[in-house]
């Protein structure tokens, strides 16, 4: 699992680098053909990994403990202009929440979970290793959307 966590951190740092190359206006823009923005895609991976790792597995109840869940959960769309303070906090959360998951993994918090099927991939998550491996794919799916959106925004 050490390599899995290493890859998650590297992927999130790449996403953060992409975000840092853009203005707030660019981060908030919803390009033609999309229903969300680059910052929405980033916020979405931040909240999703937490909810998939803790709530869907039965480790924690509900999602109210997840910061920004109402703005970035599955099925949401951008409804407000995201200011720099929120961008900065999302960047910090992108890494700190994975640190928390890694620490809880090492502490055995996820030794027994409730299995569930993912909506995005239809795959059954039988253990935290399945959840985190699938989260990598999910993170990179949204990173890919953000890269495509950046190309559109930069070529206008």
Protein backbone atom coordinates (compact mmCIF):
# COMPACT_ATOMS: atom_id res chain seq x y z
CA UNK A 1 0.00 0.00 0.00
CA UNK A 2 2.97 2.30 0.39
CA UNK A 3 3.15 2.64 -3.40
CA UNK A 4 -0.58 3.28 -3.64
CA UNK A 5 -0.37 6.17 -1.19
CA UNK A 6 2.76 7.48 -2.93
CA UNK A 7 0.92 7.50 -6.27
CA UNK A 8 -2.13 9.25 -4.79
CA UNK A 9 0.10 12.00 -3.40
CA UNK A 10 1.96 12.36 -6.71
CA UNK A 11 -1.28 12.54 -8.67
CA UNK A 12 -2.73 15.15 -6.36
CA UNK A 13 0.46 17.22 -6.53
CA UNK A 14 0.16 17.15 -10.34
CA UNK A 15 -3.43 18.40 -10.05
CA UNK A 16 -2.32 21.13 -7.63
CA UNK A 17 0.40 22.17 -10.09
CA UNK A 18 -2.22 22.48 -12.84
CA UNK A 19 -4.41 24.62 -10.56
CA UNK A 20 -1.52 26.89 -9.66
CA UNK A 21 -0.93 27.66 -13.36
CA UNK A 22 -4.40 29.20 -13.74
CA UNK A 23 -6.18 32.34 -12.58
CA UNK A 24 -9.28 32.25 -10.40
CA UNK A 25 -11.36 33.16 -13.43
CA UNK A 26 -9.92 30.23 -15.38
CA UNK A 27 -10.43 27.83 -12.46
CA UNK A 28 -14.09 28.85 -12.20
CA UNK A 29 -14.87 28.88 -15.92
CA UNK A 30 -17.19 26.17 -17.21
CA UNK A 31 -16.00 25.54 -20.79
CA UNK A 32 -18.45 24.77 -23.57
CA UNK A 33 -19.37 21.10 -23.55
CA UNK A 34 -18.79 20.71 -19.79
CA UNK A 35 -21.13 21.14 -16.82
CA UNK A 36 -18.42 21.89 -14.29
CA UNK A 37 -15.16 23.77 -13.81
CA UNK A 38 -11.55 22.85 -13.10
CA UNK A 39 -11.89 23.83 -9.46
CA UNK A 40 -15.09 21.77 -9.19
CA UNK A 41 -13.25 18.71 -10.52
CA UNK A 42 -10.50 19.26 -7.97
CA UNK A 43 -12.89 19.82 -5.07
CA UNK A 44 -14.82 16.75 -6.14
CA UNK A 45 -11.83 14.42 -5.77
CA UNK A 46 -11.05 15.93 -2.37
CA UNK A 47 -14.51 15.22 -0.94
CA UNK A 48 -15.08 11.94 -2.80
CA UNK A 49 -12.07 10.07 -1.46
CA UNK A 50 -13.07 10.98 2.08
CA UNK A 51 -16.67 9.88 1.67
CA UNK A 52 -15.71 6.70 -0.18
CA UNK A 53 -13.09 5.80 2.42
CA UNK A 54 -15.02 6.59 5.58
CA UNK A 55 -18.76 6.98 4.99
CA UNK A 56 -19.44 4.39 2.30
CA UNK A 57 -17.32 1.85 4.21
CA UNK A 58 -19.32 2.36 7.41
CA UNK A 59 -16.38 3.78 9.36
CA UNK A 60 -18.13 7.15 9.89
CA UNK A 61 -21.78 8.16 9.69
CA UNK A 62 -23.05 10.73 7.25
CA UNK A 63 -21.05 13.27 5.28
CA UNK A 64 -21.56 16.47 7.27
CA UNK A 65 -18.03 16.11 8.67
CA UNK A 66 -16.55 16.43 5.15
CA UNK A 67 -15.70 20.07 4.46
CA UNK A 68 -17.17 21.35 1.16
CA UNK A 69 -19.20 18.19 0.56
CA UNK A 70 -22.29 20.21 -0.39
CA UNK A 71 -20.37 22.05 -3.12
CA UNK A 72 -18.43 19.15 -4.63
CA UNK A 73 -20.30 15.89 -3.99
CA UNK A 74 -21.39 13.65 -6.83
CA UNK A 75 -24.30 15.21 -8.70
CA UNK A 76 -23.44 18.80 -7.80
CA UNK A 77 -22.43 21.57 -10.17
CA UNK A 78 -20.66 24.86 -9.59
CA UNK A 79 -23.08 27.34 -8.03
CA UNK A 80 -20.72 30.11 -6.89
CA UNK A 81 -17.40 31.73 -7.73
CA UNK A 82 -14.69 29.95 -5.75
CA UNK A 83 -12.38 32.49 -4.12
CA UNK A 84 -8.64 32.06 -3.52
CA UNK A 85 -9.05 31.16 0.17
CA UNK A 86 -11.19 28.14 -0.77
CA UNK A 87 -8.77 27.11 -3.53
CA UNK A 88 -5.92 27.24 -1.01
CA UNK A 89 -7.89 25.23 1.53
CA UNK A 90 -8.84 22.60 -1.06
CA UNK A 91 -5.16 22.26 -2.05
CA UNK A 92 -4.24 21.69 1.59
CA UNK A 93 -7.12 19.25 2.11
CA UNK A 94 -6.16 17.31 -1.03
CA UNK A 95 -2.98 16.24 0.74
CA UNK A 96 -3.92 16.32 4.43
CA UNK A 97 -6.97 14.11 3.95
CA UNK A 98 -4.82 11.47 2.26
CA UNK A 99 -2.33 11.73 5.12
CA UNK A 100 -5.27 11.10 7.49
CA UNK A 101 -6.41 8.08 5.49
CA UNK A 102 -2.86 6.72 5.37
CA UNK A 103 -2.48 7.14 9.14
CA UNK A 104 -5.84 5.49 9.78
CA UNK A 105 -4.84 2.67 7.44
CA UNK A 106 -1.66 2.08 9.42
CA UNK A 107 -3.68 2.20 12.68
CA UNK A 108 -6.04 -0.53 11.40
CA UNK A 109 -9.13 1.70 11.26
CA UNK A 110 -10.12 0.12 7.93
CA UNK A 111 -9.49 -3.52 8.87
CA UNK A 112 -13.22 -4.24 8.79
CA UNK A 113 -15.43 -2.28 6.40
CA UNK A 114 -18.88 -2.60 4.88
CA UNK A 115 -18.52 -3.61 1.22
CA UNK A 116 -20.28 -1.44 -1.36
CA UNK A 117 -20.62 -0.97 -5.12
CA UNK A 118 -19.38 2.23 -6.74
CA UNK A 119 -21.77 4.23 -8.87
CA UNK A 120 -19.07 5.40 -11.28
CA UNK A 121 -17.44 2.06 -12.07
CA UNK A 122 -19.96 -0.48 -10.78
CA UNK A 123 -17.13 -2.23 -8.95
CA UNK A 124 -17.53 -3.81 -5.53
CA UNK A 125 -15.30 -2.36 -2.84
CA UNK A 126 -14.55 -5.23 -0.47
CA UNK A 127 -11.70 -3.58 1.44
CA UNK A 128 -9.91 -0.26 1.77
CA UNK A 129 -7.32 -1.37 -0.76
CA UNK A 130 -10.10 -1.66 -3.36
CA UNK A 131 -11.43 1.77 -2.34
CA UNK A 132 -8.06 3.48 -2.65
CA UNK A 133 -7.14 1.79 -5.91
CA UNK A 134 -10.46 2.86 -7.39
CA UNK A 135 -9.98 6.35 -5.96
CA UNK A 136 -6.77 6.65 -7.97
CA UNK A 137 -8.72 6.00 -11.15
CA UNK A 138 -11.44 8.43 -10.08
CA UNK A 139 -8.90 11.15 -9.23
CA UNK A 140 -7.20 10.76 -12.58
CA UNK A 141 -10.49 10.73 -14.49
CA UNK A 142 -11.21 14.18 -13.06
CA UNK A 143 -7.63 15.31 -13.58
CA UNK A 144 -8.08 14.37 -17.25
CA UNK A 145 -11.26 16.46 -17.42
CA UNK A 146 -9.35 19.38 -15.90
CA UNK A 147 -6.50 19.04 -18.42
CA UNK A 148 -9.04 19.05 -21.26
CA UNK A 149 -10.81 22.06 -19.77
CA UNK A 150 -7.50 23.91 -19.43
CA UNK A 151 -6.76 23.34 -23.12
CA UNK A 152 -10.14 24.77 -24.09
CA UNK A 153 -9.76 27.77 -21.76
CA UNK A 154 -6.22 28.53 -22.96
CA UNK A 155 -7.22 28.33 -26.63
CA UNK A 156 -10.12 30.78 -26.48
